[in-house]
């Protein structure tokens, strides 16, 4: 493949940033989350100019760039979690949703991928693992519009944010098993999962130290403080990923949950909640959704659209209500609160990014059915984002859970 020309690189930057920003500016005027526009816009870009997208221009560097941007997004998600105080019974609901609900989701999605879409078992299991995740890139914007009451919002934000990095690690384990499916490889993959957890914790601790040192050195300089935040997150995620794939995402999340609080304890003032940092995250979300959607081939989408749509509908009407009923039982939630939790489970950018990077490797390794992984994930992401994005406000209103706005909601 010839190297991209300067004109192609410039055009790719102009198109992706322009489309992402346009979607995020227009969406609030249409009273819909920007994600509902970003996915089809990126897909259309891939159809019209497939050679002028970041995925085509960057090639093998693209997944690495995606990992760094997702790490920044998850760091901010971790910062947001530290501000949401959950009651013990709500923490128990979150634990159930993560450690009981996620395996159920993965198992049901795997069965659907095999029997409905027709994927071979290895690829079906891979898609099931990918569809575990939700994430702050989708759940937060939708909840910003729906404005459900604090208890429900807290549970959903914690669930989505925790599932992103854990789901990515699970996907790495499944990926390694698929590449070499024998007893020793299964043991090695499981060891990699737990090793990734350890690496993430250690990397987050190192990143927190860097965060504190940098924050003290900038001594209140707001511009340099944001630079310290970005640099410490990127260094932390990059070092962790060098050791174990995707452990950098969990490290960034853990760092976001702990670094600002520890820094304040030591009198360091770097603030990851600054408007400039929020702008970086917003741009990152838009660019990622457009860029990854542009990678999806039309031919494969046409072939599997109907079965993937059926699977997405089953996830919405069967899987999520079942998981919600099991995991919220006996937690003191009202019937209406449990219904809203059952009506909110969009898939996000980590699912798309994981399907993109792992799918490309599986295709290169000639794994049967691997070419369907990214298109199937894309269709399910698009359907769930659109459905939950358009129904969140009516559902919150109908259930009497919608709060009156105190400030203008974020787009």
Protein backbone atom coordinates (compact mmCIF):
# COMPACT_ATOMS: atom_id res chain seq x y z
CA UNK A 1 0.00 0.00 0.00
CA UNK A 2 1.55 3.34 -1.03
CA UNK A 3 2.26 5.93 1.62
CA UNK A 4 -0.47 8.59 1.94
CA UNK A 5 0.22 11.92 0.31
CA UNK A 6 0.30 15.22 2.18
CA UNK A 7 -3.00 16.17 0.54
CA UNK A 8 -4.64 12.95 1.78
CA UNK A 9 -3.45 13.53 5.34
CA UNK A 10 -4.70 17.13 5.36
CA UNK A 11 -8.04 16.07 3.85
CA UNK A 12 -8.47 13.29 6.43
CA UNK A 13 -7.90 15.73 9.30
CA UNK A 14 -10.26 18.31 7.80
CA UNK A 15 -13.02 15.79 7.12
CA UNK A 16 -12.94 13.95 10.44
CA UNK A 17 -12.62 16.97 12.71
CA UNK A 18 -15.14 18.93 10.64
CA UNK A 19 -17.74 16.15 10.59
CA UNK A 20 -17.29 15.36 14.29
CA UNK A 21 -17.68 19.00 15.31
CA UNK A 22 -20.67 19.55 13.01
CA UNK A 23 -22.48 16.56 14.51
CA UNK A 24 -21.77 17.70 18.06
CA UNK A 25 -22.97 21.24 17.30
CA UNK A 26 -26.13 20.22 15.41
CA UNK A 27 -27.27 17.42 17.73
CA UNK A 28 -28.35 19.64 20.68
CA UNK A 29 -30.50 21.71 18.33
CA UNK A 30 -32.22 18.50 17.25
CA UNK A 31 -32.54 17.52 20.95
CA UNK A 32 -30.70 14.24 20.43
CA UNK A 33 -27.33 12.96 21.67
CA UNK A 34 -24.53 13.65 19.19
CA UNK A 35 -23.74 9.92 19.05
CA UNK A 36 -26.90 9.37 17.01
CA UNK A 37 -25.34 11.51 14.25
CA UNK A 38 -21.67 10.57 14.63
CA UNK A 39 -22.01 6.88 13.75
CA UNK A 40 -23.90 7.26 10.43
CA UNK A 41 -21.77 10.29 9.50
CA UNK A 42 -18.58 8.28 9.91
CA UNK A 43 -20.03 5.34 8.00
CA UNK A 44 -21.01 7.62 5.10
CA UNK A 45 -17.52 9.15 5.12
CA UNK A 46 -16.05 5.66 4.75
CA UNK A 47 -18.28 5.02 1.75
CA UNK A 48 -17.53 8.31 0.00
CA UNK A 49 -13.81 8.68 0.76
CA UNK A 50 -12.43 5.37 2.12
CA UNK A 51 -8.83 6.42 1.48
CA UNK A 52 -9.15 9.73 3.29
CA UNK A 53 -9.94 8.53 6.82
CA UNK A 54 -7.58 8.25 9.82
CA UNK A 55 -7.78 4.45 9.72
CA UNK A 56 -6.59 4.40 6.11
CA UNK A 57 -3.95 7.10 6.61
CA UNK A 58 -2.45 5.83 9.87
CA UNK A 59 -2.69 2.11 9.10
CA UNK A 60 -1.22 0.01 11.95
CA UNK A 61 -0.65 3.18 14.01
CA UNK A 62 -4.40 3.85 14.14
CA UNK A 63 -5.26 1.33 16.94
CA UNK A 64 -2.44 2.77 19.06
CA UNK A 65 -3.78 6.30 18.63
CA UNK A 66 -7.27 5.06 19.50
CA UNK A 67 -5.99 3.46 22.72
CA UNK A 68 -4.42 6.74 23.85
CA UNK A 69 -7.56 8.76 23.16
CA UNK A 70 -9.76 6.18 24.93
CA UNK A 71 -7.39 6.28 27.91
CA UNK A 72 -7.93 10.04 28.21
CA UNK A 73 -11.71 9.54 28.02
CA UNK A 74 -11.65 6.82 30.68
CA UNK A 75 -9.45 8.95 32.92
CA UNK A 76 -12.10 11.65 32.85
CA UNK A 77 -14.72 8.98 33.47
CA UNK A 78 -12.80 7.93 36.57
CA UNK A 79 -12.69 11.54 37.75
CA UNK A 80 -16.46 11.71 37.33
CA UNK A 81 -16.95 8.50 39.32
CA UNK A 82 -15.08 9.93 42.30
CA UNK A 83 -17.68 12.71 42.47
CA UNK A 84 -20.64 10.27 42.51
CA UNK A 85 -21.25 8.96 46.00
CA UNK A 86 -23.10 5.65 46.04
CA UNK A 87 -24.95 4.19 49.00
CA UNK A 88 -23.75 0.70 50.04
CA UNK A 89 -26.86 -0.92 48.52
CA UNK A 90 -26.22 0.89 45.22
CA UNK A 91 -22.59 -0.22 45.21
CA UNK A 92 -23.92 -3.75 45.57
CA UNK A 93 -26.10 -3.26 42.49
CA UNK A 94 -23.07 -2.02 40.52
CA UNK A 95 -21.02 -5.04 41.64
CA UNK A 96 -23.81 -7.36 40.51
CA UNK A 97 -24.14 -5.61 37.14
CA UNK A 98 -20.38 -5.88 36.55
CA UNK A 99 -19.60 -9.35 37.91
CA UNK A 100 -22.91 -11.14 37.29
CA UNK A 101 -24.60 -9.08 34.60
CA UNK A 102 -21.58 -8.83 32.32
CA UNK A 103 -20.99 -12.62 32.08
CA UNK A 104 -24.70 -13.13 31.37
CA UNK A 105 -24.56 -10.44 28.68
CA UNK A 106 -21.47 -12.00 27.13
CA UNK A 107 -22.99 -15.49 27.13
CA UNK A 108 -26.30 -14.38 25.58
CA UNK A 109 -24.53 -12.24 22.97
CA UNK A 110 -22.28 -15.18 22.10
CA UNK A 111 -25.27 -17.49 21.58
CA UNK A 112 -26.97 -14.86 19.45
CA UNK A 113 -23.85 -14.24 17.37
CA UNK A 114 -23.54 -17.97 16.62
CA UNK A 115 -27.16 -18.98 16.09
CA UNK A 116 -28.56 -15.74 14.64
CA UNK A 117 -25.68 -14.14 12.73
CA UNK A 118 -24.07 -17.52 11.96
CA UNK A 119 -20.60 -16.71 13.27
CA UNK A 120 -18.24 -19.61 14.04
CA UNK A 121 -17.93 -20.18 17.79
CA UNK A 122 -14.52 -18.49 18.24
CA UNK A 123 -15.66 -15.26 16.58
CA UNK A 124 -19.06 -15.45 18.31
CA UNK A 125 -17.33 -15.63 21.69
CA UNK A 126 -15.16 -12.69 20.67
CA UNK A 127 -18.21 -10.59 19.79
CA UNK A 128 -19.90 -11.62 23.03
CA UNK A 129 -16.90 -10.40 25.01
CA UNK A 130 -16.82 -7.11 23.10
CA UNK A 131 -20.53 -6.46 23.70
CA UNK A 132 -20.06 -6.57 27.47
CA UNK A 133 -18.89 -2.97 27.47
CA UNK A 134 -20.94 0.21 27.61
CA UNK A 135 -18.87 3.18 28.73
CA UNK A 136 -18.89 6.88 29.56
CA UNK A 137 -18.63 7.88 25.90
CA UNK A 138 -22.24 6.80 25.38
CA UNK A 139 -23.92 6.56 28.75
CA UNK A 140 -22.92 10.02 30.00
CA UNK A 141 -24.18 12.03 26.97
CA UNK A 142 -27.47 10.12 26.96
CA UNK A 143 -27.98 10.63 30.69
CA UNK A 144 -27.08 14.32 30.33
CA UNK A 145 -30.10 14.63 28.06
CA UNK A 146 -32.45 12.36 29.99
CA UNK A 147 -31.48 13.78 33.43
CA UNK A 148 -32.70 10.82 35.53
CA UNK A 149 -32.68 11.12 39.31
CA UNK A 150 -29.31 10.90 41.00
CA UNK A 151 -29.52 7.35 42.34
CA UNK A 152 -30.34 5.80 38.97
CA UNK A 153 -27.77 7.96 37.19
CA UNK A 154 -25.05 7.00 39.66
CA UNK A 155 -25.64 3.27 39.20
CA UNK A 156 -25.65 3.50 35.40
CA UNK A 157 -22.55 5.72 35.21
CA UNK A 158 -20.57 3.48 37.55
CA UNK A 159 -21.63 0.34 35.67
CA UNK A 160 -20.78 1.74 32.23
CA UNK A 161 -17.46 3.25 33.26
CA UNK A 162 -16.22 0.13 35.05
CA UNK A 163 -17.27 -2.22 32.25
CA UNK A 164 -15.21 -0.41 29.60
CA UNK A 165 -11.68 -1.38 30.70
CA UNK A 166 -12.70 -4.70 32.25
CA UNK A 167 -14.50 -5.67 29.05
CA UNK A 168 -11.46 -4.73 27.00
CA UNK A 169 -9.27 -6.98 29.16
CA UNK A 170 -11.74 -9.84 28.80
CA UNK A 171 -11.67 -9.34 25.03
CA UNK A 172 -7.87 -9.62 25.07
CA UNK A 173 -8.12 -12.92 26.96
CA UNK A 174 -10.60 -14.32 24.44
CA UNK A 175 -8.46 -13.03 21.57
CA UNK A 176 -5.41 -14.89 22.86
CA UNK A 177 -7.40 -18.09 23.31
CA UNK A 178 -8.68 -17.86 19.72
CA UNK A 179 -5.16 -17.37 18.36
CA UNK A 180 -3.91 -20.56 20.03
CA UNK A 181 -6.74 -22.64 21.44
CA UNK A 182 -5.13 -25.31 23.59
CA UNK A 183 -4.98 -25.88 27.34
CA UNK A 184 -1.72 -24.03 27.85
CA UNK A 185 -2.95 -21.00 25.91
CA UNK A 186 -6.14 -20.83 28.03
CA UNK A 187 -4.06 -20.81 31.19
CA UNK A 188 -1.74 -18.19 29.75
CA UNK A 189 -4.67 -16.01 28.72
CA UNK A 190 -6.22 -16.15 32.18
CA UNK A 191 -2.83 -15.33 33.69
CA UNK A 192 -2.62 -12.39 31.27
CA UNK A 193 -5.99 -11.12 32.53
CA UNK A 194 -4.96 -11.12 36.18
CA UNK A 195 -1.50 -9.88 35.23
CA UNK A 196 -3.19 -7.01 33.40
CA UNK A 197 -5.06 -6.10 36.58
CA UNK A 198 -1.80 -5.98 38.53
CA UNK A 199 -0.06 -3.97 35.80
CA UNK A 200 -2.97 -1.51 35.74
CA UNK A 201 -2.86 -0.96 39.50
CA UNK A 202 0.91 -0.44 39.53
CA UNK A 203 0.80 1.85 36.49
CA UNK A 204 -2.03 3.88 38.05
CA UNK A 205 0.06 4.32 41.19
CA UNK A 206 3.05 5.50 39.15
CA UNK A 207 0.81 7.83 37.15
CA UNK A 208 -0.64 9.28 40.34
CA UNK A 209 2.86 10.06 41.60
CA UNK A 210 3.70 11.77 38.29
CA UNK A 211 0.41 13.67 38.49
CA UNK A 212 1.19 14.96 42.01
CA UNK A 213 4.79 15.93 41.21
CA UNK A 214 3.74 17.76 38.05
CA UNK A 215 0.83 19.50 39.77
CA UNK A 216 3.09 20.83 42.52
CA UNK A 217 5.69 22.02 40.03
CA UNK A 218 3.25 24.02 37.88
CA UNK A 219 2.15 25.92 41.01
CA UNK A 220 -1.32 26.98 39.88
CA UNK A 221 -0.54 27.58 36.19
CA UNK A 222 -3.85 26.43 34.64
CA UNK A 223 -2.44 25.81 31.16
CA UNK A 224 0.49 23.73 32.37
CA UNK A 225 -1.80 21.93 34.83
CA UNK A 226 -3.89 20.56 31.93
CA UNK A 227 -0.68 19.54 30.18
CA UNK A 228 0.41 17.68 33.31
CA UNK A 229 -2.91 15.83 33.41
CA UNK A 230 -2.66 14.79 29.75
CA UNK A 231 0.99 13.79 29.94
CA UNK A 232 0.59 11.73 33.12
CA UNK A 233 -2.40 9.87 31.67
CA UNK A 234 -0.67 9.13 28.36
CA UNK A 235 2.55 8.01 30.05
CA UNK A 236 0.60 5.76 32.42
CA UNK A 237 -1.55 4.17 29.72
CA UNK A 238 1.36 3.77 27.32
CA UNK A 239 3.65 2.07 29.84
CA UNK A 240 0.88 -0.28 30.95
CA UNK A 241 0.03 -1.24 27.35
CA UNK A 242 3.70 -1.98 26.66
CA UNK A 243 3.46 -4.74 29.26
CA UNK A 244 -0.10 -6.03 28.75
CA UNK A 245 -2.50 -5.10 25.93
CA UNK A 246 -5.39 -2.87 27.04
CA UNK A 247 -4.28 -2.73 30.68
CA UNK A 248 -3.62 0.95 29.99
CA UNK A 249 -7.36 1.59 29.82
CA UNK A 250 -7.92 0.22 33.32
CA UNK A 251 -4.85 2.07 34.57
CA UNK A 252 -6.24 5.35 33.21
CA UNK A 253 -9.60 4.73 34.86
CA UNK A 254 -8.02 3.88 38.22
CA UNK A 255 -5.81 6.92 37.97
CA UNK A 256 -8.81 9.14 37.29
CA UNK A 257 -10.55 7.77 40.37
CA UNK A 258 -7.60 8.35 42.68
CA UNK A 259 -5.09 10.92 41.37
CA UNK A 260 -7.11 14.15 41.83
CA UNK A 261 -8.15 13.24 45.38
CA UNK A 262 -4.64 12.20 46.39
CA UNK A 263 -3.21 15.34 44.76
CA UNK A 264 -5.56 17.57 46.75
CA UNK A 265 -4.47 15.80 49.92
CA UNK A 266 -0.87 16.76 49.13
CA UNK A 267 -1.81 20.32 48.20
CA UNK A 268 -1.34 19.85 44.44
CA UNK A 269 -3.83 21.73 42.31
CA UNK A 270 -3.97 20.20 38.79
CA UNK A 271 -7.63 20.12 37.85
CA UNK A 272 -8.76 17.52 35.28
CA UNK A 273 -12.23 19.08 35.40
CA UNK A 274 -11.14 22.20 33.51
CA UNK A 275 -13.18 23.30 30.46
CA UNK A 276 -10.14 22.84 28.21
CA UNK A 277 -9.69 19.22 29.28
CA UNK A 278 -13.42 18.62 28.79
CA UNK A 279 -13.08 20.04 25.28
CA UNK A 280 -10.23 17.64 24.48
CA UNK A 281 -12.36 14.71 25.64
CA UNK A 282 -15.36 15.90 23.61
CA UNK A 283 -13.27 16.24 20.47
CA UNK A 284 -11.74 12.82 21.10
CA UNK A 285 -15.15 11.15 21.38
CA UNK A 286 -16.37 12.74 18.16
CA UNK A 287 -13.23 11.93 16.17
CA UNK A 288 -13.12 8.33 17.39
CA UNK A 289 -16.74 7.56 16.53
CA UNK A 290 -16.39 9.06 13.06
CA UNK A 291 -13.00 7.43 12.38
CA UNK A 292 -13.96 3.91 13.48
CA UNK A 293 -17.35 4.01 11.77
CA UNK A 294 -15.56 4.90 8.54
CA UNK A 295 -13.71 1.55 8.66
CA UNK A 296 -16.88 -0.54 8.34
CA UNK A 297 -17.25 -2.10 4.84
CA UNK A 298 -20.66 -1.68 3.18
CA UNK A 299 -20.63 -5.14 1.57
CA UNK A 300 -20.36 -6.98 4.89
CA UNK A 301 -22.94 -4.71 6.53
CA UNK A 302 -25.40 -5.58 3.77
CA UNK A 303 -24.76 -9.30 4.26
CA UNK A 304 -25.28 -9.43 8.02
CA UNK A 305 -27.51 -6.41 8.64
CA UNK A 306 -30.77 -8.27 9.30
CA UNK A 307 -29.37 -10.94 11.69
CA UNK A 308 -27.24 -8.34 13.51
CA UNK A 309 -30.32 -6.12 13.84
CA UNK A 310 -32.27 -9.05 15.29
CA UNK A 311 -29.48 -9.68 17.81
CA UNK A 312 -29.42 -6.01 18.79
CA UNK A 313 -33.19 -6.06 19.37
CA UNK A 314 -32.91 -9.20 21.50
CA UNK A 315 -30.18 -7.57 23.58
CA UNK A 316 -32.48 -4.59 24.15
CA UNK A 317 -35.72 -6.45 24.93
CA UNK A 318 -34.43 -9.67 26.54
CA UNK A 319 -30.83 -9.44 27.75
CA UNK A 320 -30.91 -6.04 29.46
CA UNK A 321 -34.26 -6.47 31.25
CA UNK A 322 -33.12 -9.92 32.47
CA UNK A 323 -29.78 -8.61 33.75
CA UNK A 324 -31.44 -5.60 35.37
CA UNK A 325 -34.09 -7.73 37.10
CA UNK A 326 -31.50 -10.11 38.52
CA UNK A 327 -28.97 -7.50 39.59
CA UNK A 328 -31.29 -4.86 41.04
CA UNK A 329 -33.47 -7.25 43.04
CA UNK A 330 -33.65 -6.48 46.76
CA UNK A 331 -31.65 -3.24 46.48
CA UNK A 332 -34.43 -0.92 47.61
CA UNK A 333 -34.95 0.54 44.14
CA UNK A 334 -38.48 1.44 43.13
CA UNK A 335 -40.14 -0.43 40.28
CA UNK A 336 -39.80 2.64 38.06
CA UNK A 337 -36.08 2.98 38.84
CA UNK A 338 -35.52 -0.68 38.00
CA UNK A 339 -37.40 -0.23 34.72
CA UNK A 340 -35.21 2.72 33.74
CA UNK A 341 -32.04 0.74 34.50
CA UNK A 342 -33.46 -2.04 32.33
CA UNK A 343 -34.01 0.50 29.55
CA UNK A 344 -30.42 1.77 29.34
CA UNK A 345 -27.49 -0.25 27.98
CA UNK A 346 -25.85 1.41 24.95
CA UNK A 347 -22.55 0.13 23.59
CA UNK A 348 -19.73 2.63 23.04
CA UNK A 349 -16.36 3.49 21.65
CA UNK A 350 -14.37 0.79 23.49
CA UNK A 351 -16.54 -1.89 21.87
CA UNK A 352 -15.95 -0.29 18.46
CA UNK A 353 -12.22 0.18 19.03
CA UNK A 354 -11.75 -3.38 20.30
CA UNK A 355 -13.71 -4.87 17.40
CA UNK A 356 -11.67 -2.78 14.96
CA UNK A 357 -8.21 -3.71 16.26
CA UNK A 358 -8.88 -7.36 17.11
CA UNK A 359 -10.96 -7.95 13.99
CA UNK A 360 -8.13 -6.78 11.75
CA UNK A 361 -5.66 -9.18 13.38
CA UNK A 362 -8.08 -12.12 13.18
CA UNK A 363 -8.71 -11.40 9.49
CA UNK A 364 -4.95 -11.28 8.88
CA UNK A 365 -4.65 -14.65 10.66
CA UNK A 366 -7.41 -16.03 8.37
CA UNK A 367 -9.77 -16.92 11.23
CA UNK A 368 -13.10 -17.94 9.61
CA UNK A 369 -15.85 -15.37 10.08
CA UNK A 370 -13.50 -12.68 11.43
CA UNK A 371 -14.47 -10.27 8.66
CA UNK A 372 -17.95 -10.02 10.22
CA UNK A 373 -16.73 -8.93 13.66
CA UNK A 374 -16.43 -5.16 13.16
CA UNK A 375 -19.57 -4.79 10.97
CA UNK A 376 -21.67 -6.77 13.48
CA UNK A 377 -20.33 -4.72 16.38
CA UNK A 378 -20.95 -1.51 14.43
CA UNK A 379 -24.57 -2.41 13.68
CA UNK A 380 -25.28 -3.35 17.30
CA UNK A 381 -23.55 -0.20 18.59
CA UNK A 382 -25.51 1.96 16.15
CA UNK A 383 -28.84 0.33 17.00
CA UNK A 384 -28.36 0.49 20.78
CA UNK A 385 -27.05 4.07 20.73
CA UNK A 386 -29.91 5.23 18.53
CA UNK A 387 -32.59 3.36 20.47
CA UNK A 388 -31.47 4.37 23.94
CA UNK A 389 -30.54 7.86 22.81
CA UNK A 390 -34.00 8.53 21.39
CA UNK A 391 -36.00 6.80 24.14
CA UNK A 392 -34.11 7.97 27.25
CA UNK A 393 -35.98 11.27 27.65
CA UNK A 394 -39.47 9.82 27.02
CA UNK A 395 -38.70 6.94 29.40
CA UNK A 396 -37.47 9.26 32.16
CA UNK A 397 -40.55 11.46 31.76
CA UNK A 398 -43.00 8.55 31.67
CA UNK A 399 -41.46 7.02 34.79
CA UNK A 400 -41.38 10.33 36.65
CA UNK A 401 -37.59 10.17 37.06
CA UNK A 402 -36.60 13.22 35.01
CA UNK A 403 -35.06 16.05 37.03
CA UNK A 404 -35.54 19.70 36.26
CA UNK A 405 -32.36 21.20 34.75
CA UNK A 406 -30.24 23.32 37.06
CA UNK A 407 -27.82 24.15 34.27
CA UNK A 408 -27.74 23.67 30.50
CA UNK A 409 -27.03 19.98 29.85
CA UNK A 410 -23.83 19.09 28.05
CA UNK A 411 -24.26 18.06 24.42
